[in-house]
């Protein structure tokens, strides 16, 4: 039976191999996607030395994070965030990766101000155009990023997307490459607050190699580490 630590090592090997094959010398970050994962298994993964975890649900974040306060880690929120759950997320999250509207950005900015802190954010872009996926349309992403970047208590770190749900690797890669192009356009735009928006959070258990080949700086892996999620 594969342990969590063995699974983390295997994913790290995949990341290293994909990075080398892409001719890259930088290090791609691994974010552990912990949807439905209990605190004990998260702790086992963090014990390997990984430090990034991502929650999809505000209620799970609120339940699990108090059990992880004694172990160093960075908590990201990677799911759809409802306005009435902002304060729950703000209590624990270092970064919100799923900002897809100016309205949510402004709500997060006000919440951060109220807490006397700044918050890292990524703009989520729907590169596939699939209705089942959240995110701003690619043609609107640069404009939204510039709006987010000037908010006083938010730090625009980059962009996030979920790849197309298709076995067509070319289509998946095209979506990821389009996000890299959006990132480059924003970073070089000269607009205030955009110069450090270099992060590309894209790629998951099934397609991380494609994402890394297209320039991902962070991949979000859940089932590849923790196994299949229980069916509802």
C-alpha atoms as a PDB file:
ATOM      1  CA  UNK A   1       0.000   0.000   0.000  1.00  0.00           C
ATOM      2  CA  UNK A   2       1.382   3.392  -1.014  1.00  0.00           C
ATOM      3  CA  UNK A   3       1.773   5.768   1.911  1.00  0.00           C
ATOM      4  CA  UNK A   4       1.174   9.508   1.705  1.00  0.00           C
ATOM      5  CA  UNK A   5       4.914  10.147   1.963  1.00  0.00           C
ATOM      6  CA  UNK A   6       5.591   7.679  -0.875  1.00  0.00           C
ATOM      7  CA  UNK A   7       2.940   9.378  -3.000  1.00  0.00           C
ATOM      8  CA  UNK A   8       4.447  12.829  -2.370  1.00  0.00           C
ATOM      9  CA  UNK A   9       7.849  11.514  -3.431  1.00  0.00           C
ATOM     10  CA  UNK A  10       6.374  10.036  -6.619  1.00  0.00           C
ATOM     11  CA  UNK A  11       4.668  13.312  -7.501  1.00  0.00           C
ATOM     12  CA  UNK A  12       7.881  15.199  -6.817  1.00  0.00           C
ATOM     13  CA  UNK A  13       9.680  12.842  -9.213  1.00  0.00           C
ATOM     14  CA  UNK A  14       7.056  13.544 -11.885  1.00  0.00           C
ATOM     15  CA  UNK A  15       7.487  17.281 -11.380  1.00  0.00           C
ATOM     16  CA  UNK A  16      11.279  17.058 -11.558  1.00  0.00           C
ATOM     17  CA  UNK A  17      11.170  14.945 -14.698  1.00  0.00           C
ATOM     18  CA  UNK A  18       8.667  17.250 -16.415  1.00  0.00           C
ATOM     19  CA  UNK A  19      10.694  20.311 -15.456  1.00  0.00           C
ATOM     20  CA  UNK A  20      13.845  18.775 -16.905  1.00  0.00           C
ATOM     21  CA  UNK A  21      12.076  17.691 -20.098  1.00  0.00           C
ATOM     22  CA  UNK A  22      10.768  21.237 -20.528  1.00  0.00           C
ATOM     23  CA  UNK A  23      14.336  22.531 -20.327  1.00  0.00           C
ATOM     24  CA  UNK A  24      13.611  24.546 -17.207  1.00  0.00           C
ATOM     25  CA  UNK A  25      16.018  25.192 -14.348  1.00  0.00           C
ATOM     26  CA  UNK A  26      13.523  26.707 -11.892  1.00  0.00           C
ATOM     27  CA  UNK A  27      11.635  24.798  -9.194  1.00  0.00           C
ATOM     28  CA  UNK A  28       7.922  24.155  -9.651  1.00  0.00           C
ATOM     29  CA  UNK A  29       5.981  24.381  -6.412  1.00  0.00           C
ATOM     30  CA  UNK A  30       3.698  21.569  -5.285  1.00  0.00           C
ATOM     31  CA  UNK A  31       0.430  22.574  -3.652  1.00  0.00           C
ATOM     32  CA  UNK A  32      -1.388  19.765  -1.860  1.00  0.00           C
ATOM     33  CA  UNK A  33      -5.085  19.975  -2.729  1.00  0.00           C
ATOM     34  CA  UNK A  34      -6.798  18.712   0.412  1.00  0.00           C
ATOM     35  CA  UNK A  35     -10.496  18.600  -0.467  1.00  0.00           C
ATOM     36  CA  UNK A  36     -12.164  15.965   1.815  1.00  0.00           C
ATOM     37  CA  UNK A  37      -8.771  15.078   3.375  1.00  0.00           C
ATOM     38  CA  UNK A  38      -8.643  14.875   7.164  1.00  0.00           C
ATOM     39  CA  UNK A  39      -6.066  16.638   9.316  1.00  0.00           C
ATOM     40  CA  UNK A  40      -4.074  13.476  10.083  1.00  0.00           C
ATOM     41  CA  UNK A  41      -3.394  12.744   6.412  1.00  0.00           C
ATOM     42  CA  UNK A  42      -2.572  16.384   5.717  1.00  0.00           C
ATOM     43  CA  UNK A  43      -0.076  16.286   8.585  1.00  0.00           C
ATOM     44  CA  UNK A  44       1.496  13.173   7.065  1.00  0.00           C
ATOM     45  CA  UNK A  45       1.977  15.019   3.781  1.00  0.00           C
ATOM     46  CA  UNK A  46       3.386  18.101   5.481  1.00  0.00           C
ATOM     47  CA  UNK A  47       5.798  15.886   7.422  1.00  0.00           C
ATOM     48  CA  UNK A  48       7.565  15.209   4.104  1.00  0.00           C
ATOM     49  CA  UNK A  49       8.632  18.852   3.980  1.00  0.00           C
ATOM     50  CA  UNK A  50       5.916  20.193   1.688  1.00  0.00           C
ATOM     51  CA  UNK A  51       4.477  23.481   2.890  1.00  0.00           C
ATOM     52  CA  UNK A  52       1.634  24.499   0.557  1.00  0.00           C
ATOM     53  CA  UNK A  53      -1.923  23.221   0.997  1.00  0.00           C
ATOM     54  CA  UNK A  54      -5.053  24.310  -0.836  1.00  0.00           C
ATOM     55  CA  UNK A  55      -8.639  24.124   0.398  1.00  0.00           C
ATOM     56  CA  UNK A  56     -11.635  24.066  -1.938  1.00  0.00           C
ATOM     57  CA  UNK A  57     -14.296  24.568   0.711  1.00  0.00           C
ATOM     58  CA  UNK A  58     -14.505  27.264   3.356  1.00  0.00           C
ATOM     59  CA  UNK A  59     -16.142  24.944   5.875  1.00  0.00           C
ATOM     60  CA  UNK A  60     -13.357  22.374   5.530  1.00  0.00           C
ATOM     61  CA  UNK A  61     -10.707  25.053   5.884  1.00  0.00           C
ATOM     62  CA  UNK A  62     -12.378  26.324   9.057  1.00  0.00           C
ATOM     63  CA  UNK A  63     -12.585  22.797  10.487  1.00  0.00           C
ATOM     64  CA  UNK A  64      -9.104  21.562   9.578  1.00  0.00           C
ATOM     65  CA  UNK A  65      -6.768  24.537   9.946  1.00  0.00           C
ATOM     66  CA  UNK A  66      -7.068  24.793  13.779  1.00  0.00           C
ATOM     67  CA  UNK A  67      -5.638  21.245  13.915  1.00  0.00           C
ATOM     68  CA  UNK A  68      -2.560  22.264  11.911  1.00  0.00           C
ATOM     69  CA  UNK A  69      -1.394  25.323  13.824  1.00  0.00           C
ATOM     70  CA  UNK A  70       1.654  23.531  15.225  1.00  0.00           C
ATOM     71  CA  UNK A  71       3.097  22.579  11.838  1.00  0.00           C
ATOM     72  CA  UNK A  72       4.574  25.139   9.476  1.00  0.00           C
ATOM     73  CA  UNK A  73       2.575  25.519   6.277  1.00  0.00           C
ATOM     74  CA  UNK A  74       0.972  28.040   3.945  1.00  0.00           C
ATOM     75  CA  UNK A  75      -2.772  27.807   3.391  1.00  0.00           C
ATOM     76  CA  UNK A  76      -4.299  28.755   0.028  1.00  0.00           C
ATOM     77  CA  UNK A  77      -7.972  28.841  -0.890  1.00  0.00           C
ATOM     78  CA  UNK A  78      -8.478  27.382  -4.368  1.00  0.00           C
ATOM     79  CA  UNK A  79     -12.249  26.901  -4.656  1.00  0.00           C
ATOM     80  CA  UNK A  80     -15.215  29.085  -5.497  1.00  0.00           C
ATOM     81  CA  UNK A  81     -15.523  31.655  -2.726  1.00  0.00           C
ATOM     82  CA  UNK A  82     -18.936  33.012  -1.762  1.00  0.00           C
ATOM     83  CA  UNK A  83     -19.037  36.529  -0.326  1.00  0.00           C
ATOM     84  CA  UNK A  84     -20.563  35.308   2.939  1.00  0.00           C
ATOM     85  CA  UNK A  85     -17.600  32.956   3.467  1.00  0.00           C
ATOM     86  CA  UNK A  86     -14.882  35.582   2.996  1.00  0.00           C
ATOM     87  CA  UNK A  87     -14.279  36.151   6.704  1.00  0.00           C
ATOM     88  CA  UNK A  88     -13.979  32.391   7.361  1.00  0.00           C
ATOM     89  CA  UNK A  89     -11.298  32.126   4.704  1.00  0.00           C
ATOM     90  CA  UNK A  90      -9.510  35.314   5.744  1.00  0.00           C
ATOM     91  CA  UNK A  91      -8.983  33.909   9.231  1.00  0.00           C
ATOM     92  CA  UNK A  92      -6.576  31.281   7.869  1.00  0.00           C
ATOM     93  CA  UNK A  93      -5.642  31.771   4.216  1.00  0.00           C
ATOM     94  CA  UNK A  94      -2.376  33.310   3.084  1.00  0.00           C
ATOM     95  CA  UNK A  95      -3.590  33.415  -0.514  1.00  0.00           C
ATOM     96  CA  UNK A  96      -6.901  33.221  -2.404  1.00  0.00           C
ATOM     97  CA  UNK A  97      -6.320  31.752  -5.865  1.00  0.00           C
ATOM     98  CA  UNK A  98      -9.885  32.033  -7.137  1.00  0.00           C
ATOM     99  CA  UNK A  99     -10.509  35.757  -7.650  1.00  0.00           C
ATOM    100  CA  UNK A 100     -12.703  35.973 -10.735  1.00  0.00           C
ATOM    101  CA  UNK A 101     -14.505  39.294 -10.312  1.00  0.00           C
ATOM    102  CA  UNK A 102     -13.791  42.834  -9.208  1.00  0.00           C
ATOM    103  CA  UNK A 103     -16.623  42.514  -6.692  1.00  0.00           C
ATOM    104  CA  UNK A 104     -14.942  39.608  -4.882  1.00  0.00           C
ATOM    105  CA  UNK A 105     -11.593  41.392  -5.012  1.00  0.00           C
ATOM    106  CA  UNK A 106     -13.077  44.471  -3.375  1.00  0.00           C
ATOM    107  CA  UNK A 107     -14.746  42.307  -0.719  1.00  0.00           C
ATOM    108  CA  UNK A 108     -11.417  40.644   0.062  1.00  0.00           C
ATOM    109  CA  UNK A 109      -9.669  44.005   0.131  1.00  0.00           C
ATOM    110  CA  UNK A 110     -12.127  45.351   2.712  1.00  0.00           C
ATOM    111  CA  UNK A 111     -11.831  42.184   4.800  1.00  0.00           C
ATOM    112  CA  UNK A 112      -8.032  42.385   4.721  1.00  0.00           C
ATOM    113  CA  UNK A 113      -8.138  46.035   5.759  1.00  0.00           C
ATOM    114  CA  UNK A 114     -10.437  45.182   8.660  1.00  0.00           C
ATOM    115  CA  UNK A 115      -7.911  42.593   9.838  1.00  0.00           C
ATOM    116  CA  UNK A 116      -4.974  44.945   9.436  1.00  0.00           C
ATOM    117  CA  UNK A 117      -3.209  42.710   6.938  1.00  0.00           C
ATOM    118  CA  UNK A 118      -2.505  42.221   3.248  1.00  0.00           C
ATOM    119  CA  UNK A 119      -3.633  39.177   1.249  1.00  0.00           C
ATOM    120  CA  UNK A 120      -1.984  37.461  -1.700  1.00  0.00           C
ATOM    121  CA  UNK A 121      -4.370  36.694  -4.568  1.00  0.00           C
ATOM    122  CA  UNK A 122      -4.405  35.042  -7.971  1.00  0.00           C
ATOM    123  CA  UNK A 123      -6.871  35.872 -10.728  1.00  0.00           C
ATOM    124  CA  UNK A 124      -8.712  32.751 -11.890  1.00  0.00           C
ATOM    125  CA  UNK A 125      -9.161  32.498 -15.651  1.00  0.00           C
ATOM    126  CA  UNK A 126     -11.449  30.061 -17.473  1.00  0.00           C
ATOM    127  CA  UNK A 127      -9.127  29.212 -20.349  1.00  0.00           C
ATOM    128  CA  UNK A 128     -11.255  26.298 -21.585  1.00  0.00           C
ATOM    129  CA  UNK A 129     -14.533  28.211 -21.858  1.00  0.00           C
ATOM    130  CA  UNK A 130     -16.340  25.293 -20.217  1.00  0.00           C
ATOM    131  CA  UNK A 131     -19.484  26.353 -18.357  1.00  0.00           C
ATOM    132  CA  UNK A 132     -18.675  23.963 -15.517  1.00  0.00           C
ATOM    133  CA  UNK A 133     -15.531  25.916 -14.650  1.00  0.00           C
ATOM    134  CA  UNK A 134     -15.251  29.194 -12.775  1.00  0.00           C
ATOM    135  CA  UNK A 135     -13.020  32.065 -13.789  1.00  0.00           C
ATOM    136  CA  UNK A 136     -12.994  35.259 -15.764  1.00  0.00           C
ATOM    137  CA  UNK A 137     -13.001  34.977 -19.567  1.00  0.00           C
ATOM    138  CA  UNK A 138      -9.500  35.199 -21.081  1.00  0.00           C
ATOM    139  CA  UNK A 139     -10.344  38.393 -22.947  1.00  0.00           C
ATOM    140  CA  UNK A 140     -11.272  40.072 -19.658  1.00  0.00           C
ATOM    141  CA  UNK A 141      -8.409  38.713 -17.568  1.00  0.00           C
ATOM    142  CA  UNK A 142      -5.876  41.481 -18.168  1.00  0.00           C
ATOM    143  CA  UNK A 143      -8.392  44.156 -17.255  1.00  0.00           C
ATOM    144  CA  UNK A 144      -9.440  42.375 -14.076  1.00  0.00           C
ATOM    145  CA  UNK A 145      -5.832  41.807 -13.057  1.00  0.00           C
ATOM    146  CA  UNK A 146      -5.102  45.518 -13.369  1.00  0.00           C
ATOM    147  CA  UNK A 147      -8.163  46.340 -11.240  1.00  0.00           C
ATOM    148  CA  UNK A 148      -7.112  43.856  -8.570  1.00  0.00           C
ATOM    149  CA  UNK A 149      -3.509  45.053  -8.568  1.00  0.00           C
ATOM    150  CA  UNK A 150      -4.353  48.570  -7.411  1.00  0.00           C
ATOM    151  CA  UNK A 151      -6.398  47.513  -4.380  1.00  0.00           C
ATOM    152  CA  UNK A 152      -4.530  48.628  -1.286  1.00  0.00           C
ATOM    153  CA  UNK A 153      -4.609  45.417   0.743  1.00  0.00           C
ATOM    154  CA  UNK A 154      -4.295  42.812  -2.010  1.00  0.00           C
ATOM    155  CA  UNK A 155      -1.042  41.632  -3.596  1.00  0.00           C
ATOM    156  CA  UNK A 156      -1.510  40.273  -7.094  1.00  0.00           C
ATOM    157  CA  UNK A 157       0.799  37.248  -7.338  1.00  0.00           C
ATOM    158  CA  UNK A 158      -0.364  35.803 -10.639  1.00  0.00           C
ATOM    159  CA  UNK A 159      -3.011  33.599 -12.235  1.00  0.00           C
ATOM    160  CA  UNK A 160      -4.781  30.278 -11.766  1.00  0.00           C
ATOM    161  CA  UNK A 161      -6.779  28.030 -14.068  1.00  0.00           C
ATOM    162  CA  UNK A 162      -8.252  24.542 -14.342  1.00  0.00           C
ATOM    163  CA  UNK A 163      -7.363  22.739 -17.562  1.00  0.00           C
ATOM    164  CA  UNK A 164      -9.875  21.637 -20.158  1.00  0.00           C
ATOM    165  CA  UNK A 165     -11.682  18.387 -19.377  1.00  0.00           C
ATOM    166  CA  UNK A 166     -10.613  16.503 -22.475  1.00  0.00           C
ATOM    167  CA  UNK A 167      -8.169  13.757 -23.498  1.00  0.00           C
ATOM    168  CA  UNK A 168      -6.947  16.092 -26.246  1.00  0.00           C
ATOM    169  CA  UNK A 169      -3.545  17.089 -24.865  1.00  0.00           C
ATOM    170  CA  UNK A 170      -3.099  19.773 -27.516  1.00  0.00           C
ATOM    171  CA  UNK A 171      -6.241  21.545 -26.355  1.00  0.00           C
ATOM    172  CA  UNK A 172      -5.168  21.324 -22.717  1.00  0.00           C
ATOM    173  CA  UNK A 173      -1.728  22.690 -23.544  1.00  0.00           C
ATOM    174  CA  UNK A 174      -3.209  25.518 -25.624  1.00  0.00           C
ATOM    175  CA  UNK A 175      -5.276  26.634 -22.650  1.00  0.00           C
ATOM    176  CA  UNK A 176      -2.269  26.638 -20.357  1.00  0.00           C
ATOM    177  CA  UNK A 177      -0.145  28.483 -22.894  1.00  0.00           C
ATOM    178  CA  UNK A 178      -2.867  31.116 -23.203  1.00  0.00           C
ATOM    179  CA  UNK A 179      -2.696  31.705 -19.455  1.00  0.00           C
ATOM    180  CA  UNK A 180       1.074  32.119 -19.689  1.00  0.00           C
ATOM    181  CA  UNK A 181       0.483  34.716 -22.375  1.00  0.00           C
ATOM    182  CA  UNK A 182      -1.985  36.584 -20.176  1.00  0.00           C
ATOM    183  CA  UNK A 183       0.535  36.527 -17.332  1.00  0.00           C
ATOM    184  CA  UNK A 184       3.266  37.908 -19.564  1.00  0.00           C
ATOM    185  CA  UNK A 185       1.009  40.677 -20.879  1.00  0.00           C
ATOM    186  CA  UNK A 186       0.139  41.766 -17.338  1.00  0.00           C
ATOM    187  CA  UNK A 187       3.658  41.589 -15.920  1.00  0.00           C
ATOM    188  CA  UNK A 188       5.076  43.673 -18.768  1.00  0.00           C
ATOM    189  CA  UNK A 189       2.173  46.129 -18.893  1.00  0.00           C
ATOM    190  CA  UNK A 190       3.746  48.652 -16.541  1.00  0.00           C
ATOM    191  CA  UNK A 191       0.431  48.975 -14.688  1.00  0.00           C
ATOM    192  CA  UNK A 192       0.731  49.604 -10.940  1.00  0.00           C
ATOM    193  CA  UNK A 193       1.051  46.494  -8.811  1.00  0.00           C
ATOM    194  CA  UNK A 194       1.416  44.031 -11.689  1.00  0.00           C
ATOM    195  CA  UNK A 195       5.180  43.571 -11.874  1.00  0.00           C
ATOM    196  CA  UNK A 196       5.242  40.633  -9.425  1.00  0.00           C
ATOM    197  CA  UNK A 197       2.226  38.761 -10.836  1.00  0.00           C
ATOM    198  CA  UNK A 198       4.407  35.921 -12.095  1.00  0.00           C
ATOM    199  CA  UNK A 199       2.731  32.866 -10.539  1.00  0.00           C
ATOM    200  CA  UNK A 200       1.008  30.357 -12.834  1.00  0.00           C
ATOM    201  CA  UNK A 201      -1.040  27.917 -10.756  1.00  0.00           C
ATOM    202  CA  UNK A 202      -2.138  25.315 -13.299  1.00  0.00           C
ATOM    203  CA  UNK A 203      -2.019  21.583 -13.683  1.00  0.00           C
ATOM    204  CA  UNK A 204      -3.337  18.820 -11.439  1.00  0.00           C
ATOM    205  CA  UNK A 205      -2.732  15.108 -10.880  1.00  0.00           C
ATOM    206  CA  UNK A 206      -3.656  14.061 -14.409  1.00  0.00           C
ATOM    207  CA  UNK A 207      -2.011  16.788 -16.465  1.00  0.00           C
ATOM    208  CA  UNK A 208       0.785  18.338 -14.435  1.00  0.00           C
ATOM    209  CA  UNK A 209       3.389  17.422 -17.068  1.00  0.00           C
ATOM    210  CA  UNK A 210       1.482  19.344 -19.734  1.00  0.00           C
ATOM    211  CA  UNK A 211       1.117  22.329 -17.414  1.00  0.00           C
ATOM    212  CA  UNK A 212       4.810  22.379 -16.544  1.00  0.00           C
ATOM    213  CA  UNK A 213       5.680  22.212 -20.225  1.00  0.00           C
ATOM    214  CA  UNK A 214       3.504  25.301 -20.722  1.00  0.00           C
ATOM    215  CA  UNK A 215       5.164  27.228 -17.882  1.00  0.00           C
ATOM    216  CA  UNK A 216       3.345  26.335 -14.649  1.00  0.00           C
ATOM    217  CA  UNK A 217       5.122  27.577 -11.538  1.00  0.00           C
ATOM    218  CA  UNK A 218       2.748  25.717  -9.203  1.00  0.00           C
ATOM    219  CA  UNK A 219       0.761  22.511  -9.665  1.00  0.00           C
ATOM    220  CA  UNK A 220      -2.187  21.519  -7.473  1.00  0.00           C
ATOM    221  CA  UNK A 221      -2.222  17.803  -6.690  1.00  0.00           C
ATOM    222  CA  UNK A 222      -4.878  16.040  -4.652  1.00  0.00           C
ATOM    223  CA  UNK A 223      -5.699  12.504  -5.800  1.00  0.00           C
ATOM    224  CA  UNK A 224      -2.098  11.940  -6.877  1.00  0.00           C
ATOM    225  CA  UNK A 225      -1.099  12.213  -3.210  1.00  0.00           C
ATOM    226  CA  UNK A 226      -4.195  11.286  -1.211  1.00  0.00           C
ATOM    227  CA  UNK A 227      -5.948   8.876  -3.571  1.00  0.00           C
ATOM    228  CA  UNK A 228      -9.440   9.040  -5.002  1.00  0.00           C
ATOM    229  CA  UNK A 229     -11.899  11.177  -3.112  1.00  0.00           C
ATOM    230  CA  UNK A 230     -14.894   9.443  -1.534  1.00  0.00           C
ATOM    231  CA  UNK A 231     -18.045   9.634  -3.613  1.00  0.00           C
ATOM    232  CA  UNK A 232     -20.812  11.843  -2.153  1.00  0.00           C
END
